[in-house]
C-alpha cells in the first residue's frame, strides 16, 4: 500500500507530531543518504580528518533505486549528505528529478 503524496505543510506537521510522540508511519518521512563520502572542505574540527578509509561515491543505480522505492512509499524529504558533500558526485544533477515530489537538503558550498 502506497502512502498518498503529502504537501510540504502536511509533511512538516507530521514531522512535528512524530518528534513529540513517536509512532510508526509505515515508511520514513525523511531519509539521510550519503551519496558521496568525499568532501571538498578540510574543516579543522571535522571528524573526517581522522578517518583514513577510501572515500567514494554511491553507484548511480543504487541511488536511483533508493529514490524510486522511497517515492513509491511516500518519501517526503531526502538529505544527501552526512559526512561527505553530495555535490562532488559526478551524477548528482542527472539523478535528481524534482518531478518525483521530494525535497533535497545538503551543504551549499559548491553552488
PDB file of N, CA and C in Angstrom:
ATOM      1  N   UNK A   1       0.840  -1.181   0.000  1.00  0.00           N
ATOM      2  CA  UNK A   1       0.000   0.000   0.000  1.00  0.00           C
ATOM      3  C   UNK A   1       0.882   1.239   0.000  1.00  0.00           C
ATOM      4  N   UNK A   2       0.600   2.171  -0.866  1.00  0.00           N
ATOM      5  CA  UNK A   2       1.393   3.383  -1.012  1.00  0.00           C
ATOM      6  C   UNK A   2       0.744   4.538  -0.262  1.00  0.00           C
ATOM      7  N   UNK A   3       1.571   5.311   0.440  1.00  0.00           N
ATOM      8  CA  UNK A   3       1.098   6.486   1.149  1.00  0.00           C
ATOM      9  C   UNK A   3       0.820   7.596   0.125  1.00  0.00           C
ATOM     10  N   UNK A   4      -0.256   8.366   0.311  1.00  0.00           N
ATOM     11  CA  UNK A   4      -0.534   9.440  -0.645  1.00  0.00           C
ATOM     12  C   UNK A   4       0.532  10.527  -0.529  1.00  0.00           C
ATOM     13  N   UNK A   5       0.746  11.255  -1.590  1.00  0.00           N
ATOM     14  CA  UNK A   5       1.747  12.313  -1.635  1.00  0.00           C
ATOM     15  C   UNK A   5       1.333  13.443  -0.707  1.00  0.00           C
ATOM     16  N   UNK A   6       2.189  13.782   0.239  1.00  0.00           N
ATOM     17  CA  UNK A   6       1.899  14.857   1.178  1.00  0.00           C
ATOM     18  C   UNK A   6       2.368  16.195   0.632  1.00  0.00           C
ATOM     19  N   UNK A   7       1.669  17.239   0.976  1.00  0.00           N
ATOM     20  CA  UNK A   7       2.164  18.576   0.680  1.00  0.00           C
ATOM     21  C   UNK A   7       3.300  18.857   1.669  1.00  0.00           C
ATOM     22  N   UNK A   8       4.086  19.879   1.395  1.00  0.00           N
ATOM     23  CA  UNK A   8       5.168  20.210   2.305  1.00  0.00           C
ATOM     24  C   UNK A   8       4.623  20.535   3.699  1.00  0.00           C
ATOM     25  N   UNK A   9       3.527  21.264   3.756  1.00  0.00           N
ATOM     26  CA  UNK A   9       2.929  21.625   5.050  1.00  0.00           C
ATOM     27  C   UNK A   9       2.465  20.378   5.803  1.00  0.00           C
ATOM     28  N   UNK A  10       1.835  19.436   5.106  1.00  0.00           N
ATOM     29  CA  UNK A  10       1.405  18.185   5.747  1.00  0.00           C
ATOM     30  C   UNK A  10       2.619  17.407   6.272  1.00  0.00           C
ATOM     31  N   UNK A  11       3.675  17.355   5.454  1.00  0.00           N
ATOM     32  CA  UNK A  11       4.912  16.681   5.863  1.00  0.00           C
ATOM     33  C   UNK A  11       5.490  17.306   7.130  1.00  0.00           C
ATOM     34  N   UNK A  12       5.591  18.636   7.181  1.00  0.00           N
ATOM     35  CA  UNK A  12       6.164  19.306   8.356  1.00  0.00           C
ATOM     36  C   UNK A  12       5.274  19.120   9.585  1.00  0.00           C
ATOM     37  N   UNK A  13       3.969  19.133   9.397  1.00  0.00           N
ATOM     38  CA  UNK A  13       3.040  18.906  10.508  1.00  0.00           C
ATOM     39  C   UNK A  13       3.225  17.498  11.061  1.00  0.00           C
ATOM     40  N   UNK A  14       3.303  16.517  10.168  1.00  0.00           N
ATOM     41  CA  UNK A  14       3.525  15.134  10.597  1.00  0.00           C
ATOM     42  C   UNK A  14       4.887  14.982  11.261  1.00  0.00           C
ATOM     43  N   UNK A  15       5.918  15.654  10.711  1.00  0.00           N
ATOM     44  CA  UNK A  15       7.267  15.612  11.291  1.00  0.00           C
ATOM     45  C   UNK A  15       7.227  16.145  12.724  1.00  0.00           C
ATOM     46  N   UNK A  16       6.566  17.272  12.929  1.00  0.00           N
ATOM     47  CA  UNK A  16       6.468  17.861  14.263  1.00  0.00           C
ATOM     48  C   UNK A  16       5.721  16.936  15.221  1.00  0.00           C
ATOM     49  N   UNK A  17       4.647  16.333  14.759  1.00  0.00           N
ATOM     50  CA  UNK A  17       3.872  15.408  15.573  1.00  0.00           C
ATOM     51  C   UNK A  17       4.703  14.189  15.975  1.00  0.00           C
ATOM     52  N   UNK A  18       5.420  13.623  15.029  1.00  0.00           N
ATOM     53  CA  UNK A  18       6.246  12.441  15.302  1.00  0.00           C
ATOM     54  C   UNK A  18       7.373  12.775  16.277  1.00  0.00           C
ATOM     55  N   UNK A  19       7.929  13.981  16.165  1.00  0.00           N
ATOM     56  CA  UNK A  19       9.023  14.352  17.065  1.00  0.00           C
ATOM     57  C   UNK A  19       8.547  14.491  18.511  1.00  0.00           C
ATOM     58  N   UNK A  20       7.270  14.770  18.705  1.00  0.00           N
ATOM     59  CA  UNK A  20       6.733  14.906  20.058  1.00  0.00           C
ATOM     60  C   UNK A  20       6.273  13.573  20.640  1.00  0.00           C
ATOM     61  N   UNK A  21       5.775  12.703  19.806  1.00  0.00           N
ATOM     62  CA  UNK A  21       5.296  11.403  20.273  1.00  0.00           C
ATOM     63  C   UNK A  21       5.529  10.381  19.160  1.00  0.00           C
ATOM     64  N   UNK A  22       6.608   9.618  19.274  1.00  0.00           N
ATOM     65  CA  UNK A  22       6.968   8.678  18.210  1.00  0.00           C
ATOM     66  C   UNK A  22       5.858   7.662  17.913  1.00  0.00           C
ATOM     67  N   UNK A  23       5.617   7.466  16.641  1.00  0.00           N
ATOM     68  CA  UNK A  23       4.730   6.411  16.191  1.00  0.00           C
ATOM     69  C   UNK A  23       5.152   5.989  14.789  1.00  0.00           C
ATOM     70  N   UNK A  24       4.668   4.851  14.349  1.00  0.00           N
ATOM     71  CA  UNK A  24       5.060   4.325  13.059  1.00  0.00           C
ATOM     72  C   UNK A  24       4.232   4.938  11.942  1.00  0.00           C
ATOM     73  N   UNK A  25       4.887   5.301  10.846  1.00  0.00           N
ATOM     74  CA  UNK A  25       4.192   5.861   9.698  1.00  0.00           C
ATOM     75  C   UNK A  25       4.129   4.880   8.533  1.00  0.00           C
ATOM     76  N   UNK A  26       4.746   3.726   8.641  1.00  0.00           N
ATOM     77  CA  UNK A  26       4.768   2.759   7.551  1.00  0.00           C
ATOM     78  C   UNK A  26       6.010   2.900   6.689  1.00  0.00           C
ATOM     79  N   UNK A  27       6.537   4.102   6.568  1.00  0.00           N
ATOM     80  CA  UNK A  27       7.764   4.366   5.813  1.00  0.00           C
ATOM     81  C   UNK A  27       8.329   5.677   6.342  1.00  0.00           C
ATOM     82  N   UNK A  28       9.655   5.811   6.392  1.00  0.00           N
ATOM     83  CA  UNK A  28      10.236   7.071   6.891  1.00  0.00           C
ATOM     84  C   UNK A  28       9.768   8.282   6.090  1.00  0.00           C
ATOM     85  N   UNK A  29       9.536   9.384   6.783  1.00  0.00           N
ATOM     86  CA  UNK A  29       9.191  10.637   6.117  1.00  0.00           C
ATOM     87  C   UNK A  29      10.424  11.243   5.458  1.00  0.00           C
ATOM     88  N   UNK A  30      11.590  10.919   6.021  1.00  0.00           N
ATOM     89  CA  UNK A  30      12.839  11.565   5.633  1.00  0.00           C
ATOM     90  C   UNK A  30      13.940  10.508   5.602  1.00  0.00           C
ATOM     91  N   UNK A  31      14.782  10.534   4.581  1.00  0.00           N
ATOM     92  CA  UNK A  31      15.937   9.641   4.510  1.00  0.00           C
ATOM     93  C   UNK A  31      17.217  10.463   4.457  1.00  0.00           C
ATOM     94  N   UNK A  32      18.247   9.998   5.154  1.00  0.00           N
ATOM     95  CA  UNK A  32      19.589  10.558   5.029  1.00  0.00           C
ATOM     96  C   UNK A  32      20.385   9.578   4.186  1.00  0.00           C
ATOM     97  N   UNK A  33      20.914  10.042   3.073  1.00  0.00           N
ATOM     98  CA  UNK A  33      21.694   9.194   2.184  1.00  0.00           C
ATOM     99  C   UNK A  33      23.060   9.830   1.990  1.00  0.00           C
ATOM    100  N   UNK A  34      24.085   9.033   2.128  1.00  0.00           N
ATOM    101  CA  UNK A  34      25.422   9.543   1.857  1.00  0.00           C
ATOM    102  C   UNK A  34      25.761   9.219   0.414  1.00  0.00           C
ATOM    103  N   UNK A  35      25.441  10.132  -0.471  1.00  0.00           N
ATOM    104  CA  UNK A  35      25.682   9.951  -1.892  1.00  0.00           C
ATOM    105  C   UNK A  35      27.177   9.916  -2.181  1.00  0.00           C
ATOM    106  N   UNK A  36      27.933  10.639  -1.381  1.00  0.00           N
ATOM    107  CA  UNK A  36      29.389  10.645  -1.517  1.00  0.00           C
ATOM    108  C   UNK A  36      30.019  10.831  -0.143  1.00  0.00           C
ATOM    109  N   UNK A  37      31.052  10.065   0.127  1.00  0.00           N
ATOM    110  CA  UNK A  37      31.787  10.281   1.376  1.00  0.00           C
ATOM    111  C   UNK A  37      32.944  11.250   1.151  1.00  0.00           C
ATOM    112  N   UNK A  38      33.077  11.733  -0.072  1.00  0.00           N
ATOM    113  CA  UNK A  38      34.114  12.714  -0.407  1.00  0.00           C
ATOM    114  C   UNK A  38      33.643  14.093   0.040  1.00  0.00           C
ATOM    115  N   UNK A  39      34.595  14.950   0.343  1.00  0.00           N
ATOM    116  CA  UNK A  39      34.251  16.312   0.750  1.00  0.00           C
ATOM    117  C   UNK A  39      35.256  17.281   0.148  1.00  0.00           C
ATOM    118  N   UNK A  40      34.759  18.435  -0.282  1.00  0.00           N
ATOM    119  CA  UNK A  40      35.616  19.462  -0.855  1.00  0.00           C
ATOM    120  C   UNK A  40      36.251  20.344   0.212  1.00  0.00           C
ATOM    121  N   UNK A  41      35.828  20.206   1.459  1.00  0.00           N
ATOM    122  CA  UNK A  41      36.355  21.024   2.551  1.00  0.00           C
ATOM    123  C   UNK A  41      37.308  20.208   3.422  1.00  0.00           C
ATOM    124  N   UNK A  42      38.130  20.886   4.153  1.00  0.00           N
ATOM    125  CA  UNK A  42      39.011  20.248   5.131  1.00  0.00           C
ATOM    126  C   UNK A  42      38.904  21.033   6.447  1.00  0.00           C
ATOM    127  N   UNK A  43      37.715  20.984   7.035  1.00  0.00           N
ATOM    128  CA  UNK A  43      37.459  21.731   8.262  1.00  0.00           C
ATOM    129  C   UNK A  43      38.314  21.186   9.393  1.00  0.00           C
ATOM    130  N   UNK A  44      38.912  22.078  10.146  1.00  0.00           N
ATOM    131  CA  UNK A  44      39.839  21.706  11.209  1.00  0.00           C
ATOM    132  C   UNK A  44      39.208  20.804  12.263  1.00  0.00           C
ATOM    133  N   UNK A  45      37.942  21.029  12.590  1.00  0.00           N
ATOM    134  CA  UNK A  45      37.291  20.268  13.653  1.00  0.00           C
ATOM    135  C   UNK A  45      36.482  19.071  13.144  1.00  0.00           C
ATOM    136  N   UNK A  46      36.585  18.736  11.864  1.00  0.00           N
ATOM    137  CA  UNK A  46      35.779  17.657  11.288  1.00  0.00           C
ATOM    138  C   UNK A  46      36.344  16.284  11.645  1.00  0.00           C
ATOM    139  N   UNK A  47      35.446  15.360  11.992  1.00  0.00           N
ATOM    140  CA  UNK A  47      35.860  14.003  12.322  1.00  0.00           C
ATOM    141  C   UNK A  47      36.441  13.276  11.113  1.00  0.00           C
ATOM    142  N   UNK A  48      36.139  13.737   9.895  1.00  0.00           N
ATOM    143  CA  UNK A  48      36.664  13.069   8.700  1.00  0.00           C
ATOM    144  C   UNK A  48      38.192  13.151   8.634  1.00  0.00           C
ATOM    145  N   UNK A  49      38.770  14.111   9.301  1.00  0.00           N
ATOM    146  CA  UNK A  49      40.232  14.232   9.309  1.00  0.00           C
ATOM    147  C   UNK A  49      40.897  13.018   9.944  1.00  0.00           C
ATOM    148  N   UNK A  50      40.141  12.266  10.720  1.00  0.00           N
ATOM    149  CA  UNK A  50      40.699  11.112  11.430  1.00  0.00           C
ATOM    150  C   UNK A  50      40.264   9.782  10.823  1.00  0.00           C
ATOM    151  N   UNK A  51      39.554   9.838   9.709  1.00  0.00           N
ATOM    152  CA  UNK A  51      39.126   8.621   9.018  1.00  0.00           C
ATOM    153  C   UNK A  51      40.036   8.410   7.818  1.00  0.00           C
ATOM    154  N   UNK A  52      40.639   7.252   7.751  1.00  0.00           N
ATOM    155  CA  UNK A  52      41.614   7.008   6.699  1.00  0.00           C
ATOM    156  C   UNK A  52      41.121   6.019   5.647  1.00  0.00           C
ATOM    157  N   UNK A  53      39.834   5.670   5.704  1.00  0.00           N
ATOM    158  CA  UNK A  53      39.292   4.767   4.688  1.00  0.00           C
ATOM    159  C   UNK A  53      39.090   5.527   3.376  1.00  0.00           C
ATOM    160  N   UNK A  54      39.011   4.783   2.291  1.00  0.00           N
ATOM    161  CA  UNK A  54      38.831   5.378   0.977  1.00  0.00           C
ATOM    162  C   UNK A  54      37.460   6.057   0.892  1.00  0.00           C
ATOM    163  N   UNK A  55      37.444   7.263   0.394  1.00  0.00           N
ATOM    164  CA  UNK A  55      36.195   7.992   0.205  1.00  0.00           C
ATOM    165  C   UNK A  55      35.698   7.737  -1.209  1.00  0.00           C
ATOM    166  N   UNK A  56      34.415   7.467  -1.322  1.00  0.00           N
ATOM    167  CA  UNK A  56      33.889   7.105  -2.634  1.00  0.00           C
ATOM    168  C   UNK A  56      32.465   7.591  -2.834  1.00  0.00           C
ATOM    169  N   UNK A  57      31.962   7.422  -4.058  1.00  0.00           N
ATOM    170  CA  UNK A  57      30.607   7.817  -4.425  1.00  0.00           C
ATOM    171  C   UNK A  57      29.694   6.601  -4.480  1.00  0.00           C
ATOM    172  N   UNK A  58      28.416   6.807  -4.159  1.00  0.00           N
ATOM    173  CA  UNK A  58      27.422   5.753  -4.296  1.00  0.00           C
ATOM    174  C   UNK A  58      27.191   5.502  -5.788  1.00  0.00           C
ATOM    175  N   UNK A  59      26.962   4.255  -6.126  1.00  0.00           N
ATOM    176  CA  UNK A  59      26.654   3.905  -7.513  1.00  0.00           C
ATOM    177  C   UNK A  59      25.327   4.556  -7.916  1.00  0.00           C
ATOM    178  N   UNK A  60      25.259   5.140  -9.117  1.00  0.00           N
ATOM    179  CA  UNK A  60      24.024   5.803  -9.558  1.00  0.00           C
ATOM    180  C   UNK A  60      22.802   4.889  -9.533  1.00  0.00           C
ATOM    181  N   UNK A  61      22.948   3.633  -9.900  1.00  0.00           N
ATOM    182  CA  UNK A  61      21.804   2.714  -9.888  1.00  0.00           C
ATOM    183  C   UNK A  61      21.269   2.494  -8.480  1.00  0.00           C
ATOM    184  N   UNK A  62      22.154   2.448  -7.489  1.00  0.00           N
ATOM    185  CA  UNK A  62      21.735   2.286  -6.098  1.00  0.00           C
ATOM    186  C   UNK A  62      20.956   3.510  -5.643  1.00  0.00           C
ATOM    187  N   UNK A  63      21.478   4.682  -5.966  1.00  0.00           N
ATOM    188  CA  UNK A  63      20.817   5.941  -5.619  1.00  0.00           C
ATOM    189  C   UNK A  63      19.423   6.012  -6.245  1.00  0.00           C
ATOM    190  N   UNK A  64      19.327   5.715  -7.538  1.00  0.00           N
ATOM    191  CA  UNK A  64      18.030   5.757  -8.219  1.00  0.00           C
ATOM    192  C   UNK A  64      17.047   4.758  -7.618  1.00  0.00           C
ATOM    193  N   UNK A  65      17.521   3.586  -7.247  1.00  0.00           N
ATOM    194  CA  UNK A  65      16.645   2.572  -6.650  1.00  0.00           C
ATOM    195  C   UNK A  65      16.100   3.058  -5.305  1.00  0.00           C
ATOM    196  N   UNK A  66      16.952   3.651  -4.489  1.00  0.00           N
ATOM    197  CA  UNK A  66      16.515   4.186  -3.194  1.00  0.00           C
ATOM    198  C   UNK A  66      15.449   5.257  -3.406  1.00  0.00           C
ATOM    199  N   UNK A  67      15.691   6.173  -4.339  1.00  0.00           N
ATOM    200  CA  UNK A  67      14.748   7.250  -4.615  1.00  0.00           C
ATOM    201  C   UNK A  67      13.430   6.693  -5.131  1.00  0.00           C
ATOM    202  N   UNK A  68      13.500   5.815  -6.125  1.00  0.00           N
ATOM    203  CA  UNK A  68      12.277   5.270  -6.717  1.00  0.00           C
ATOM    204  C   UNK A  68      11.432   4.529  -5.690  1.00  0.00           C
ATOM    205  N   UNK A  69      12.065   3.704  -4.873  1.00  0.00           N
ATOM    206  CA  UNK A  69      11.325   2.970  -3.843  1.00  0.00           C
ATOM    207  C   UNK A  69      10.766   3.920  -2.795  1.00  0.00           C
ATOM    208  N   UNK A  70      11.565   4.919  -2.412  1.00  0.00           N
ATOM    209  CA  UNK A  70      11.101   5.886  -1.425  1.00  0.00           C
ATOM    210  C   UNK A  70       9.912   6.685  -1.899  1.00  0.00           C
ATOM    211  N   UNK A  71       9.978   7.181  -3.125  1.00  0.00           N
ATOM    212  CA  UNK A  71       8.878   7.965  -3.685  1.00  0.00           C
ATOM    213  C   UNK A  71       7.618   7.111  -3.776  1.00  0.00           C
ATOM    214  N   UNK A  72       7.779   5.872  -4.177  1.00  0.00           N
ATOM    215  CA  UNK A  72       6.631   4.961  -4.262  1.00  0.00           C
ATOM    216  C   UNK A  72       5.954   4.777  -2.909  1.00  0.00           C
ATOM    217  N   UNK A  73       6.743   4.836  -1.837  1.00  0.00           N
ATOM    218  CA  UNK A  73       6.215   4.640  -0.484  1.00  0.00           C
ATOM    219  C   UNK A  73       5.796   5.937   0.197  1.00  0.00           C
ATOM    220  N   UNK A  74       5.975   7.082  -0.467  1.00  0.00           N
ATOM    221  CA  UNK A  74       5.546   8.347   0.118  1.00  0.00           C
ATOM    222  C   UNK A  74       6.651   9.185   0.716  1.00  0.00           C
ATOM    223  N   UNK A  75       7.905   8.947   0.332  1.00  0.00           N
ATOM    224  CA  UNK A  75       9.029   9.734   0.823  1.00  0.00           C
ATOM    225  C   UNK A  75       8.780  11.221   0.603  1.00  0.00           C
ATOM    226  N   UNK A  76       9.011  12.016   1.647  1.00  0.00           N
ATOM    227  CA  UNK A  76       8.762  13.457   1.574  1.00  0.00           C
ATOM    228  C   UNK A  76      10.036  14.274   1.432  1.00  0.00           C
ATOM    229  N   UNK A  77      11.114  13.825   2.060  1.00  0.00           N
ATOM    230  CA  UNK A  77      12.345  14.612   2.043  1.00  0.00           C
ATOM    231  C   UNK A  77      13.551  13.692   2.076  1.00  0.00           C
ATOM    232  N   UNK A  78      14.650  14.223   1.578  1.00  0.00           N
ATOM    233  CA  UNK A  78      15.874  13.460   1.439  1.00  0.00           C
ATOM    234  C   UNK A  78      17.050  14.371   1.751  1.00  0.00           C
ATOM    235  N   UNK A  79      17.934  13.940   2.632  1.00  0.00           N
ATOM    236  CA  UNK A  79      19.167  14.691   2.893  1.00  0.00           C
ATOM    237  C   UNK A  79      20.291  13.899   2.257  1.00  0.00           C
ATOM    238  N   UNK A  80      21.031  14.537   1.364  1.00  0.00           N
ATOM    239  CA  UNK A  80      22.042  13.836   0.586  1.00  0.00           C
ATOM    240  C   UNK A  80      23.450  13.969   1.131  1.00  0.00           C
ATOM    241  N   UNK A  81      23.598  14.209   2.393  1.00  0.00           N
ATOM    242  CA  UNK A  81      24.947  14.193   2.937  1.00  0.00           C
ATOM    243  C   UNK A  81      24.890  13.893   4.417  1.00  0.00           C
ATOM    244  N   UNK A  82      25.937  13.276   4.896  1.00  0.00           N
ATOM    245  CA  UNK A  82      26.089  13.146   6.335  1.00  0.00           C
ATOM    246  C   UNK A  82      27.528  13.491   6.675  1.00  0.00           C
ATOM    247  N   UNK A  83      28.479  12.791   6.097  1.00  0.00           N
ATOM    248  CA  UNK A  83      29.875  13.144   6.358  1.00  0.00           C
ATOM    249  C   UNK A  83      30.571  13.640   5.113  1.00  0.00           C
ATOM    250  N   UNK A  84      29.940  13.482   3.955  1.00  0.00           N
ATOM    251  CA  UNK A  84      30.531  13.929   2.698  1.00  0.00           C
ATOM    252  C   UNK A  84      29.697  15.024   2.068  1.00  0.00           C
ATOM    253  N   UNK A  85      30.141  15.501   0.927  1.00  0.00           N
ATOM    254  CA  UNK A  85      29.433  16.531   0.167  1.00  0.00           C
ATOM    255  C   UNK A  85      28.899  15.903  -1.108  1.00  0.00           C
ATOM    256  N   UNK A  86      27.590  15.736  -1.172  1.00  0.00           N
ATOM    257  CA  UNK A  86      26.966  15.055  -2.313  1.00  0.00           C
ATOM    258  C   UNK A  86      27.171  15.776  -3.634  1.00  0.00           C
ATOM    259  N   UNK A  87      27.387  17.078  -3.594  1.00  0.00           N
ATOM    260  CA  UNK A  87      27.567  17.815  -4.842  1.00  0.00           C
ATOM    261  C   UNK A  87      28.881  17.486  -5.544  1.00  0.00           C
ATOM    262  N   UNK A  88      29.793  16.757  -4.901  1.00  0.00           N
ATOM    263  CA  UNK A  88      31.001  16.318  -5.595  1.00  0.00           C
ATOM    264  C   UNK A  88      30.737  15.058  -6.417  1.00  0.00           C
ATOM    265  N   UNK A  89      29.576  14.429  -6.221  1.00  0.00           N
ATOM    266  CA  UNK A  89      29.218  13.237  -7.006  1.00  0.00           C
ATOM    267  C   UNK A  89      29.002  13.666  -8.456  1.00  0.00           C
ATOM    268  N   UNK A  90      29.656  13.008  -9.413  1.00  0.00           N
ATOM    269  CA  UNK A  90      29.567  13.447 -10.810  1.00  0.00           C
ATOM    270  C   UNK A  90      28.172  13.320 -11.422  1.00  0.00           C
ATOM    271  N   UNK A  91      27.278  12.516 -10.833  1.00  0.00           N
ATOM    272  CA  UNK A  91      25.950  12.304 -11.410  1.00  0.00           C
ATOM    273  C   UNK A  91      24.829  12.944 -10.604  1.00  0.00           C
ATOM    274  N   UNK A  92      25.141  13.846  -9.698  1.00  0.00           N
ATOM    275  CA  UNK A  92      24.129  14.403  -8.807  1.00  0.00           C
ATOM    276  C   UNK A  92      23.017  15.111  -9.583  1.00  0.00           C
ATOM    277  N   UNK A  93      23.353  15.912 -10.541  1.00  0.00           N
ATOM    278  CA  UNK A  93      22.338  16.660 -11.281  1.00  0.00           C
ATOM    279  C   UNK A  93      21.509  15.718 -12.150  1.00  0.00           C
ATOM    280  N   UNK A  94      22.155  14.794 -12.805  1.00  0.00           N
ATOM    281  CA  UNK A  94      21.443  13.863 -13.681  1.00  0.00           C
ATOM    282  C   UNK A  94      20.484  12.974 -12.892  1.00  0.00           C
ATOM    283  N   UNK A  95      20.805  12.670 -11.638  1.00  0.00           N
ATOM    284  CA  UNK A  95      19.976  11.768 -10.842  1.00  0.00           C
ATOM    285  C   UNK A  95      18.832  12.460 -10.112  1.00  0.00           C
ATOM    286  N   UNK A  96      18.877  13.780  -9.999  1.00  0.00           N
ATOM    287  CA  UNK A  96      17.820  14.483  -9.269  1.00  0.00           C
ATOM    288  C   UNK A  96      16.642  14.738 -10.198  1.00  0.00           C
ATOM    289  N   UNK A  97      15.465  14.364  -9.765  1.00  0.00           N
ATOM    290  CA  UNK A  97      14.255  14.567 -10.559  1.00  0.00           C
ATOM    291  C   UNK A  97      13.211  15.254  -9.685  1.00  0.00           C
ATOM    292  N   UNK A  98      13.082  16.577  -9.792  1.00  0.00           N
ATOM    293  CA  UNK A  98      12.136  17.299  -8.933  1.00  0.00           C
ATOM    294  C   UNK A  98      10.686  16.886  -9.159  1.00  0.00           C
ATOM    295  N   UNK A  99      10.371  16.284 -10.290  1.00  0.00           N
ATOM    296  CA  UNK A  99       9.002  15.854 -10.572  1.00  0.00           C
ATOM    297  C   UNK A  99       8.577  14.686  -9.693  1.00  0.00           C
ATOM    298  N   UNK A 100       9.544  14.041  -9.020  1.00  0.00           N
ATOM    299  CA  UNK A 100       9.201  12.914  -8.158  1.00  0.00           C
ATOM    300  C   UNK A 100       8.601  13.377  -6.836  1.00  0.00           C
ATOM    301  N   UNK A 101       8.704  14.666  -6.510  1.00  0.00           N
ATOM    302  CA  UNK A 101       7.975  15.213  -5.373  1.00  0.00           C
ATOM    303  C   UNK A 101       8.682  15.173  -4.032  1.00  0.00           C
ATOM    304  N   UNK A 102       9.986  15.031  -3.988  1.00  0.00           N
ATOM    305  CA  UNK A 102      10.694  15.071  -2.712  1.00  0.00           C
ATOM    306  C   UNK A 102      11.612  16.291  -2.696  1.00  0.00           C
ATOM    307  N   UNK A 103      11.905  16.800  -1.521  1.00  0.00           N
ATOM    308  CA  UNK A 103      12.829  17.914  -1.427  1.00  0.00           C
ATOM    309  C   UNK A 103      14.206  17.384  -1.026  1.00  0.00           C
ATOM    310  N   UNK A 104      15.235  18.176  -1.300  1.00  0.00           N
ATOM    311  CA  UNK A 104      16.609  17.759  -1.035  1.00  0.00           C
ATOM    312  C   UNK A 104      17.305  18.831  -0.216  1.00  0.00           C
ATOM    313  N   UNK A 105      18.044  18.409   0.788  1.00  0.00           N
ATOM    314  CA  UNK A 105      18.871  19.339   1.552  1.00  0.00           C
ATOM    315  C   UNK A 105      20.307  18.864   1.505  1.00  0.00           C
ATOM    316  N   UNK A 106      21.226  19.752   1.740  1.00  0.00           N
ATOM    317  CA  UNK A 106      22.649  19.425   1.755  1.00  0.00           C
ATOM    318  C   UNK A 106      23.459  20.685   1.925  1.00  0.00           C
ATOM    319  N   UNK A 107      24.759  20.534   1.944  1.00  0.00           N
ATOM    320  CA  UNK A 107      25.653  21.680   2.010  1.00  0.00           C
ATOM    321  C   UNK A 107      25.580  22.439   0.694  1.00  0.00           C
ATOM    322  N   UNK A 108      25.802  23.719   0.738  1.00  0.00           N
ATOM    323  CA  UNK A 108      25.718  24.507  -0.493  1.00  0.00           C
ATOM    324  C   UNK A 108      27.050  25.166  -0.843  1.00  0.00           C
ATOM    325  N   UNK A 109      28.144  24.611  -0.372  1.00  0.00           N
ATOM    326  CA  UNK A 109      29.438  25.237  -0.610  1.00  0.00           C
ATOM    327  C   UNK A 109      29.867  25.188  -2.069  1.00  0.00           C
ATOM    328  N   UNK A 110      29.278  24.278  -2.854  1.00  0.00           N
ATOM    329  CA  UNK A 110      29.676  24.164  -4.262  1.00  0.00           C
ATOM    330  C   UNK A 110      28.675  24.811  -5.217  1.00  0.00           C
ATOM    331  N   UNK A 111      27.661  25.477  -4.680  1.00  0.00           N
ATOM    332  CA  UNK A 111      26.676  26.143  -5.557  1.00  0.00           C
ATOM    333  C   UNK A 111      27.121  27.548  -5.831  1.00  0.00           C
TER     334      UNK A 111
END
